[in-house]
Amino acid sequence: MQRYFIYLAYDGANYHGWQIQPNGISVQECLMKALSTFLRREIEIIGAGRTDAGVHASLMVAHFDFDELLDEISVADKLNRLLPPDISIYRVCRVRPDAHARFDATARTYKYYVTTSKYPFNRQYRWRVYNQLDYALMNEAARTLFEYTDFTSFSKLHTDVKTNICHITHAEWTQEDDATWVFTIRADRFLRNMVRAIVGTLIEVGRGKLTIEGFRKVIEQQDRGKAGTSAPGNALFLVNVEYPESIFESSK
């Protein structure tokens, strides 16, 4: 049995997230249908993680198994022809039989975009805020994230995860243009709703409604009810998933 990684991107606006849902179309379902159609048998696909409804990915990774060697370039090309315009395949590559898209990932990176301008062509991919924010103070608060590992306060309630421990290695707001700022965060793993909850709470800091010490207390209380409202999903992008080179059997 051969295992393959699929590197893909998608616009999440029309989907109920990555994971298959009983009452809505998902990216995983679309990809499984396309792959099963091409390979003429039922194919299961496991992703590197979940993205919520409306969230996008400029780079997601998933894996599947097949009992024959495949032409990786041909698979990518055929899938792109079968998939809708808002899902695209970058590449397909063979990995070790025990490689796992989710459990072998060593880091994931997300970006969240905030803008003060009204611009018709990015309204689906930016959160428009109507007041000026103190990004220097927001960055000071973001740096405190490195001092903690339990992020229960930023996790969706009643999830099936066994631990809320994460190790954040990068968290910073940077200016993209006169009206747009982007928050980049990298960690070994993320909890459900975690990035959007962090962004929403940092926005409270930027508006002057929450102090740095208050931000610390939000984390330390380990209570989702103490954190800010989750930021909208449409401005969030999964942008990278990292793996050890040892799991690949063919070049990426």
C-alpha atoms as a PDB file:
ATOM      1  CA  MET A   1       0.000   0.000   0.000  1.00  0.00           C
ATOM      2  CA  GLN A   2       1.337   3.411  -1.009  1.00  0.00           C
ATOM      3  CA  ARG A   3       0.615   6.589   0.948  1.00  0.00           C
ATOM      4  CA  TYR A   4       0.468   9.998  -0.697  1.00  0.00           C
ATOM      5  CA  PHE A   5       0.342  13.570   0.556  1.00  0.00           C
ATOM      6  CA  ILE A   6      -1.818  16.091  -1.296  1.00  0.00           C
ATOM      7  CA  TYR A   7      -0.889  19.782  -1.050  1.00  0.00           C
ATOM      8  CA  LEU A   8      -3.890  21.956  -1.811  1.00  0.00           C
ATOM      9  CA  ALA A   9      -5.511  25.371  -1.433  1.00  0.00           C
ATOM     10  CA  TYR A  10      -9.132  26.393  -1.102  1.00  0.00           C
ATOM     11  CA  ASP A  11     -11.429  29.344  -0.714  1.00  0.00           C
ATOM     12  CA  GLY A  12     -13.571  28.356   2.251  1.00  0.00           C
ATOM     13  CA  ALA A  13     -16.449  30.772   1.600  1.00  0.00           C
ATOM     14  CA  ASN A  14     -18.771  28.111   0.164  1.00  0.00           C
ATOM     15  CA  TYR A  15     -17.868  25.314   2.584  1.00  0.00           C
ATOM     16  CA  HIS A  16     -18.822  24.238   6.089  1.00  0.00           C
ATOM     17  CA  GLY A  17     -15.151  23.863   6.936  1.00  0.00           C
ATOM     18  CA  TRP A  18     -12.613  21.185   6.041  1.00  0.00           C
ATOM     19  CA  GLN A  19     -14.153  18.203   7.811  1.00  0.00           C
ATOM     20  CA  ILE A  20     -17.102  16.226   6.435  1.00  0.00           C
ATOM     21  CA  GLN A  21     -20.377  17.474   7.957  1.00  0.00           C
ATOM     22  CA  PRO A  22     -23.807  15.807   7.993  1.00  0.00           C
ATOM     23  CA  ASN A  23     -25.666  18.953   6.944  1.00  0.00           C
ATOM     24  CA  GLY A  24     -23.312  20.860   4.673  1.00  0.00           C
ATOM     25  CA  ILE A  25     -20.678  20.477   1.988  1.00  0.00           C
ATOM     26  CA  SER A  26     -17.042  20.359   3.098  1.00  0.00           C
ATOM     27  CA  VAL A  27     -13.665  20.587   1.386  1.00  0.00           C
ATOM     28  CA  GLN A  28     -12.769  17.069   2.540  1.00  0.00           C
ATOM     29  CA  GLU A  29     -15.940  15.664   0.966  1.00  0.00           C
ATOM     30  CA  CYS A  30     -15.260  17.390  -2.371  1.00  0.00           C
ATOM     31  CA  LEU A  31     -11.685  16.127  -2.449  1.00  0.00           C
ATOM     32  CA  MET A  32     -12.694  12.569  -1.545  1.00  0.00           C
ATOM     33  CA  LYS A  33     -15.329  12.501  -4.278  1.00  0.00           C
ATOM     34  CA  ALA A  34     -12.875  13.773  -6.901  1.00  0.00           C
ATOM     35  CA  LEU A  35     -10.167  11.310  -5.875  1.00  0.00           C
ATOM     36  CA  SER A  36     -12.604   8.397  -5.722  1.00  0.00           C
ATOM     37  CA  THR A  37     -13.925   9.294  -9.177  1.00  0.00           C
ATOM     38  CA  PHE A  38     -10.420   9.428 -10.640  1.00  0.00           C
ATOM     39  CA  LEU A  39      -9.166   6.219  -8.984  1.00  0.00           C
ATOM     40  CA  ARG A  40     -12.505   4.397  -9.416  1.00  0.00           C
ATOM     41  CA  ARG A  41     -12.776   3.219  -5.833  1.00  0.00           C
ATOM     42  CA  GLU A  42     -13.713   4.716  -2.480  1.00  0.00           C
ATOM     43  CA  ILE A  43     -10.785   6.700  -1.078  1.00  0.00           C
ATOM     44  CA  GLU A  44     -10.529   8.035   2.474  1.00  0.00           C
ATOM     45  CA  ILE A  45      -8.634  11.275   3.019  1.00  0.00           C
ATOM     46  CA  ILE A  46      -7.208  12.590   6.306  1.00  0.00           C
ATOM     47  CA  GLY A  47      -6.269  16.251   6.625  1.00  0.00           C
ATOM     48  CA  ALA A  48      -3.547  17.971   8.626  1.00  0.00           C
ATOM     49  CA  GLY A  49      -6.271  19.556  10.741  1.00  0.00           C
ATOM     50  CA  ARG A  50      -9.648  21.221  10.617  1.00  0.00           C
ATOM     51  CA  THR A  51     -10.575  24.659   9.405  1.00  0.00           C
ATOM     52  CA  ASP A  52     -13.910  26.131  10.456  1.00  0.00           C
ATOM     53  CA  ALA A  53     -16.745  27.173   8.165  1.00  0.00           C
ATOM     54  CA  GLY A  54     -15.690  30.033   5.901  1.00  0.00           C
ATOM     55  CA  VAL A  55     -11.974  29.763   6.750  1.00  0.00           C
ATOM     56  CA  HIS A  56      -9.527  29.536   3.847  1.00  0.00           C
ATOM     57  CA  ALA A  57      -6.270  27.698   3.213  1.00  0.00           C
ATOM     58  CA  SER A  58      -3.510  28.809   0.898  1.00  0.00           C
ATOM     59  CA  LEU A  59      -1.814  25.562   1.919  1.00  0.00           C
ATOM     60  CA  MET A  60      -3.463  22.501   3.436  1.00  0.00           C
ATOM     61  CA  VAL A  61      -2.059  18.961   3.452  1.00  0.00           C
ATOM     62  CA  ALA A  62      -3.974  15.671   3.429  1.00  0.00           C
ATOM     63  CA  HIS A  63      -3.048  12.033   2.902  1.00  0.00           C
ATOM     64  CA  PHE A  64      -4.618   8.996   1.230  1.00  0.00           C
ATOM     65  CA  ASP A  65      -3.649   5.389   0.511  1.00  0.00           C
ATOM     66  CA  PHE A  66      -3.660   3.494  -2.789  1.00  0.00           C
ATOM     67  CA  ASP A  67      -2.439   0.011  -3.616  1.00  0.00           C
ATOM     68  CA  GLU A  68      -0.528   1.027  -6.743  1.00  0.00           C
ATOM     69  CA  LEU A  69       2.207   3.450  -7.655  1.00  0.00           C
ATOM     70  CA  LEU A  70       0.668   6.599  -9.123  1.00  0.00           C
ATOM     71  CA  ASP A  71       1.999   9.212 -11.495  1.00  0.00           C
ATOM     72  CA  GLU A  72       2.005  12.097  -9.035  1.00  0.00           C
ATOM     73  CA  ILE A  73       1.900  14.840 -11.668  1.00  0.00           C
ATOM     74  CA  SER A  74      -0.981  13.151 -13.470  1.00  0.00           C
ATOM     75  CA  VAL A  75      -2.977  12.754 -10.252  1.00  0.00           C
ATOM     76  CA  ALA A  76      -2.629  16.465  -9.459  1.00  0.00           C
ATOM     77  CA  ASP A  77      -3.650  17.433 -12.986  1.00  0.00           C
ATOM     78  CA  LYS A  78      -6.692  15.125 -13.054  1.00  0.00           C
ATOM     79  CA  LEU A  79      -7.866  16.262  -9.628  1.00  0.00           C
ATOM     80  CA  ASN A  80      -7.671  19.902 -10.670  1.00  0.00           C
ATOM     81  CA  ARG A  81      -9.938  19.105 -13.622  1.00  0.00           C
ATOM     82  CA  LEU A  82     -12.476  17.344 -11.409  1.00  0.00           C
ATOM     83  CA  LEU A  83     -12.505  19.789  -8.492  1.00  0.00           C
ATOM     84  CA  PRO A  84     -14.531  23.023  -8.397  1.00  0.00           C
ATOM     85  CA  PRO A  85     -12.740  26.342  -9.121  1.00  0.00           C
ATOM     86  CA  ASP A  86     -12.373  27.203  -5.417  1.00  0.00           C
ATOM     87  CA  ILE A  87     -10.224  24.132  -4.621  1.00  0.00           C
ATOM     88  CA  SER A  88      -6.841  23.591  -6.287  1.00  0.00           C
ATOM     89  CA  ILE A  89      -4.103  20.985  -5.987  1.00  0.00           C
ATOM     90  CA  TYR A  90      -0.475  22.124  -5.875  1.00  0.00           C
ATOM     91  CA  ARG A  91       1.150  18.701  -5.912  1.00  0.00           C
ATOM     92  CA  VAL A  92       0.877  15.070  -4.877  1.00  0.00           C
ATOM     93  CA  CYS A  93       3.873  13.230  -3.445  1.00  0.00           C
ATOM     94  CA  ARG A  94       4.624   9.778  -2.083  1.00  0.00           C
ATOM     95  CA  VAL A  95       5.492   9.433   1.611  1.00  0.00           C
ATOM     96  CA  ARG A  96       6.389   6.613   3.951  1.00  0.00           C
ATOM     97  CA  PRO A  97       3.503   4.180   4.641  1.00  0.00           C
ATOM     98  CA  ASP A  98       3.302   5.315   8.276  1.00  0.00           C
ATOM     99  CA  ALA A  99       3.432   9.061   7.522  1.00  0.00           C
ATOM    100  CA  HIS A 100       0.400  10.971   8.800  1.00  0.00           C
ATOM    101  CA  ALA A 101      -0.773  14.365   7.571  1.00  0.00           C
ATOM    102  CA  ARG A 102      -2.047  15.345  11.005  1.00  0.00           C
ATOM    103  CA  PHE A 103       0.167  13.624  13.552  1.00  0.00           C
ATOM    104  CA  ASP A 104       3.501  14.084  11.756  1.00  0.00           C
ATOM    105  CA  ALA A 105       3.053  17.837  11.267  1.00  0.00           C
ATOM    106  CA  THR A 106       5.625  19.700  13.341  1.00  0.00           C
ATOM    107  CA  ALA A 107       4.166  23.194  12.897  1.00  0.00           C
ATOM    108  CA  ARG A 108       1.238  25.044  11.374  1.00  0.00           C
ATOM    109  CA  THR A 109       0.996  28.716  10.467  1.00  0.00           C
ATOM    110  CA  TYR A 110      -2.090  30.906  10.146  1.00  0.00           C
ATOM    111  CA  LYS A 111      -2.579  34.481   8.977  1.00  0.00           C
ATOM    112  CA  TYR A 112      -5.458  36.767   9.902  1.00  0.00           C
ATOM    113  CA  TYR A 113      -6.175  39.981   7.969  1.00  0.00           C
ATOM    114  CA  VAL A 114      -7.693  43.168   9.375  1.00  0.00           C
ATOM    115  CA  THR A 115      -8.445  46.323   7.377  1.00  0.00           C
ATOM    116  CA  THR A 116      -9.945  49.770   7.993  1.00  0.00           C
ATOM    117  CA  SER A 117     -10.831  50.411   4.345  1.00  0.00           C
ATOM    118  CA  LYS A 118     -13.956  49.561   2.392  1.00  0.00           C
ATOM    119  CA  TYR A 119     -12.734  47.788  -0.711  1.00  0.00           C
ATOM    120  CA  PRO A 120     -15.101  45.598  -2.769  1.00  0.00           C
ATOM    121  CA  PHE A 121     -12.454  43.137  -3.919  1.00  0.00           C
ATOM    122  CA  ASN A 122     -11.191  41.961  -0.557  1.00  0.00           C
ATOM    123  CA  ARG A 123     -14.362  42.063   1.525  1.00  0.00           C
ATOM    124  CA  GLN A 124     -14.485  38.248   1.601  1.00  0.00           C
ATOM    125  CA  TYR A 125     -10.934  37.962   2.940  1.00  0.00           C
ATOM    126  CA  ARG A 126     -10.553  40.810   5.450  1.00  0.00           C
ATOM    127  CA  TRP A 127     -12.187  41.760   8.739  1.00  0.00           C
ATOM    128  CA  ARG A 128     -13.089  45.413   8.458  1.00  0.00           C
ATOM    129  CA  VAL A 129     -12.667  47.308  11.735  1.00  0.00           C
ATOM    130  CA  TYR A 130     -14.012  50.817  12.160  1.00  0.00           C
ATOM    131  CA  ASN A 131     -11.657  52.293  14.720  1.00  0.00           C
ATOM    132  CA  GLN A 132      -7.893  52.657  14.947  1.00  0.00           C
ATOM    133  CA  LEU A 133      -6.083  49.946  16.864  1.00  0.00           C
ATOM    134  CA  ASP A 134      -2.882  50.131  18.905  1.00  0.00           C
ATOM    135  CA  TYR A 135      -0.865  47.460  17.091  1.00  0.00           C
ATOM    136  CA  ALA A 136       2.240  48.060  19.203  1.00  0.00           C
ATOM    137  CA  LEU A 137       0.232  47.203  22.303  1.00  0.00           C
ATOM    138  CA  MET A 138      -1.342  44.237  20.532  1.00  0.00           C
ATOM    139  CA  ASN A 139       2.138  42.942  19.686  1.00  0.00           C
ATOM    140  CA  GLU A 140       3.208  43.357  23.299  1.00  0.00           C
ATOM    141  CA  ALA A 141       0.212  41.248  24.324  1.00  0.00           C
ATOM    142  CA  ALA A 142       0.919  38.704  21.576  1.00  0.00           C
ATOM    143  CA  ARG A 143       4.451  38.179  22.906  1.00  0.00           C
ATOM    144  CA  THR A 144       3.019  36.997  26.227  1.00  0.00           C
ATOM    145  CA  LEU A 145       1.603  33.969  24.401  1.00  0.00           C
ATOM    146  CA  PHE A 146       5.118  32.499  24.321  1.00  0.00           C
ATOM    147  CA  GLU A 147       5.087  32.248  28.118  1.00  0.00           C
ATOM    148  CA  TYR A 148       2.111  29.881  28.246  1.00  0.00           C
ATOM    149  CA  THR A 149       1.194  26.439  26.937  1.00  0.00           C
ATOM    150  CA  ASP A 150      -2.377  25.902  28.165  1.00  0.00           C
ATOM    151  CA  PHE A 151      -4.765  27.781  25.886  1.00  0.00           C
ATOM    152  CA  THR A 152      -8.102  26.553  27.230  1.00  0.00           C
ATOM    153  CA  SER A 153      -9.283  30.178  27.278  1.00  0.00           C
ATOM    154  CA  PHE A 154      -9.039  30.301  23.482  1.00  0.00           C
ATOM    155  CA  SER A 155     -10.561  26.885  22.744  1.00  0.00           C
ATOM    156  CA  LYS A 156     -14.061  26.114  21.576  1.00  0.00           C
ATOM    157  CA  LEU A 157     -15.977  24.413  24.385  1.00  0.00           C
ATOM    158  CA  HIS A 158     -16.814  20.694  24.453  1.00  0.00           C
ATOM    159  CA  THR A 159     -14.284  19.540  21.870  1.00  0.00           C
ATOM    160  CA  ASP A 160     -12.940  15.983  21.706  1.00  0.00           C
ATOM    161  CA  VAL A 161      -9.243  16.847  22.172  1.00  0.00           C
ATOM    162  CA  LYS A 162      -7.350  15.236  25.052  1.00  0.00           C
ATOM    163  CA  THR A 163      -5.182  18.265  25.838  1.00  0.00           C
ATOM    164  CA  ASN A 164      -5.261  22.041  25.406  1.00  0.00           C
ATOM    165  CA  ILE A 165      -1.468  22.296  25.469  1.00  0.00           C
ATOM    166  CA  CYS A 166       0.105  24.093  22.480  1.00  0.00           C
ATOM    167  CA  HIS A 167       3.536  25.618  21.906  1.00  0.00           C
ATOM    168  CA  ILE A 168       3.376  28.942  20.070  1.00  0.00           C
ATOM    169  CA  THR A 169       6.635  29.929  18.367  1.00  0.00           C
ATOM    170  CA  HIS A 170       5.566  33.050  16.453  1.00  0.00           C
ATOM    171  CA  ALA A 171       2.787  35.600  17.019  1.00  0.00           C
ATOM    172  CA  GLU A 172       3.045  39.069  15.454  1.00  0.00           C
ATOM    173  CA  TRP A 173       1.022  41.822  13.783  1.00  0.00           C
ATOM    174  CA  THR A 174       2.672  43.391  10.732  1.00  0.00           C
ATOM    175  CA  GLN A 175       1.455  46.143   8.418  1.00  0.00           C
ATOM    176  CA  GLU A 176       0.712  45.103   4.846  1.00  0.00           C
ATOM    177  CA  ASP A 177      -0.402  48.506   3.481  1.00  0.00           C
ATOM    178  CA  ASP A 178      -1.889  51.775   4.741  1.00  0.00           C
ATOM    179  CA  ALA A 179      -5.157  50.116   5.746  1.00  0.00           C
ATOM    180  CA  THR A 180      -4.298  46.437   6.275  1.00  0.00           C
ATOM    181  CA  TRP A 181      -2.575  44.562   9.078  1.00  0.00           C
ATOM    182  CA  VAL A 182      -1.927  40.827   9.241  1.00  0.00           C
ATOM    183  CA  PHE A 183      -1.506  38.654  12.325  1.00  0.00           C
ATOM    184  CA  THR A 184       0.804  35.670  11.762  1.00  0.00           C
ATOM    185  CA  ILE A 185       0.838  32.863  14.312  1.00  0.00           C
ATOM    186  CA  ARG A 186       2.810  29.606  14.260  1.00  0.00           C
ATOM    187  CA  ALA A 187       2.515  26.682  16.695  1.00  0.00           C
ATOM    188  CA  ASP A 188       2.964  22.929  16.871  1.00  0.00           C
ATOM    189  CA  ARG A 189      -0.836  22.549  17.044  1.00  0.00           C
ATOM    190  CA  PHE A 190      -3.968  24.650  17.382  1.00  0.00           C
ATOM    191  CA  LEU A 191      -7.221  24.133  19.229  1.00  0.00           C
ATOM    192  CA  ARG A 192     -10.665  24.538  17.679  1.00  0.00           C
ATOM    193  CA  ASN A 193     -11.387  28.251  17.165  1.00  0.00           C
ATOM    194  CA  MET A 194      -8.061  29.166  18.826  1.00  0.00           C
ATOM    195  CA  VAL A 195      -6.679  31.670  16.306  1.00  0.00           C
ATOM    196  CA  ARG A 196      -9.979  33.516  15.936  1.00  0.00           C
ATOM    197  CA  ALA A 197     -10.361  33.711  19.729  1.00  0.00           C
ATOM    198  CA  ILE A 198      -6.814  35.048  20.132  1.00  0.00           C
ATOM    199  CA  VAL A 199      -7.373  37.654  17.411  1.00  0.00           C
ATOM    200  CA  GLY A 200     -10.679  38.743  18.937  1.00  0.00           C
ATOM    201  CA  THR A 201      -9.040  39.148  22.355  1.00  0.00           C
ATOM    202  CA  LEU A 202      -6.029  41.022  20.922  1.00  0.00           C
ATOM    203  CA  ILE A 203      -8.454  43.401  19.202  1.00  0.00           C
ATOM    204  CA  GLU A 204      -9.852  44.191  22.656  1.00  0.00           C
ATOM    205  CA  VAL A 205      -6.297  45.100  23.698  1.00  0.00           C
ATOM    206  CA  GLY A 206      -5.901  47.275  20.602  1.00  0.00           C
ATOM    207  CA  ARG A 207      -9.140  49.112  21.381  1.00  0.00           C
ATOM    208  CA  GLY A 208      -7.977  49.872  24.906  1.00  0.00           C
ATOM    209  CA  LYS A 209     -10.620  47.667  26.509  1.00  0.00           C
ATOM    210  CA  LEU A 210      -8.126  45.116  27.844  1.00  0.00           C
ATOM    211  CA  THR A 211      -4.702  45.694  29.386  1.00  0.00           C
ATOM    212  CA  ILE A 212      -1.628  43.511  28.936  1.00  0.00           C
ATOM    213  CA  GLU A 213      -2.108  42.239  32.467  1.00  0.00           C
ATOM    214  CA  GLY A 214      -5.762  41.608  31.659  1.00  0.00           C
ATOM    215  CA  PHE A 215      -4.712  39.603  28.609  1.00  0.00           C
ATOM    216  CA  ARG A 216      -2.454  37.507  30.822  1.00  0.00           C
ATOM    217  CA  LYS A 217      -5.322  36.876  33.233  1.00  0.00           C
ATOM    218  CA  VAL A 218      -7.531  35.728  30.363  1.00  0.00           C
ATOM    219  CA  ILE A 219      -4.973  33.024  29.552  1.00  0.00           C
ATOM    220  CA  GLU A 220      -4.344  32.076  33.180  1.00  0.00           C
ATOM    221  CA  GLN A 221      -8.029  31.722  34.080  1.00  0.00           C
ATOM    222  CA  GLN A 222      -8.412  28.972  31.458  1.00  0.00           C
ATOM    223  CA  ASP A 223     -12.007  30.016  30.852  1.00  0.00           C
ATOM    224  CA  ARG A 224     -13.310  30.640  27.321  1.00  0.00           C
ATOM    225  CA  GLY A 225     -15.913  32.995  28.759  1.00  0.00           C
ATOM    226  CA  LYS A 226     -13.181  35.424  29.859  1.00  0.00           C
ATOM    227  CA  ALA A 227     -11.668  35.847  26.371  1.00  0.00           C
ATOM    228  CA  GLY A 228     -12.937  38.124  23.623  1.00  0.00           C
ATOM    229  CA  THR A 229     -15.460  37.303  20.926  1.00  0.00           C
ATOM    230  CA  SER A 230     -14.067  35.167  18.108  1.00  0.00           C
ATOM    231  CA  ALA A 231     -13.005  37.119  15.035  1.00  0.00           C
ATOM    232  CA  PRO A 232     -14.931  36.312  11.815  1.00  0.00           C
ATOM    233  CA  GLY A 233     -13.713  33.244   9.935  1.00  0.00           C
ATOM    234  CA  ASN A 234     -13.579  34.845   6.481  1.00  0.00           C
ATOM    235  CA  ALA A 235     -10.307  36.675   7.200  1.00  0.00           C
ATOM    236  CA  LEU A 236      -8.395  33.609   8.432  1.00  0.00           C
ATOM    237  CA  PHE A 237      -6.013  31.564   6.270  1.00  0.00           C
ATOM    238  CA  LEU A 238      -4.048  28.411   6.980  1.00  0.00           C
ATOM    239  CA  VAL A 239      -0.828  29.205   5.123  1.00  0.00           C
ATOM    240  CA  ASN A 240       1.668  26.467   5.972  1.00  0.00           C
ATOM    241  CA  VAL A 241       2.022  22.970   7.426  1.00  0.00           C
ATOM    242  CA  GLU A 242       5.538  21.695   8.171  1.00  0.00           C
ATOM    243  CA  TYR A 243       6.868  18.113   8.222  1.00  0.00           C
ATOM    244  CA  PRO A 244      10.210  16.378   8.822  1.00  0.00           C
ATOM    245  CA  GLU A 245      11.963  15.573   5.560  1.00  0.00           C
ATOM    246  CA  SER A 246      12.372  11.951   6.651  1.00  0.00           C
ATOM    247  CA  ILE A 247       8.739  11.082   5.913  1.00  0.00           C
ATOM    248  CA  PHE A 248       9.004  11.798   2.171  1.00  0.00           C
ATOM    249  CA  GLU A 249       9.870   9.114  -0.340  1.00  0.00           C
ATOM    250  CA  SER A 250       9.787  11.427  -3.323  1.00  0.00           C
ATOM    251  CA  SER A 251      10.698  15.066  -3.711  1.00  0.00           C
ATOM    252  CA  LYS A 252       8.066  17.619  -2.747  1.00  0.00           C
END
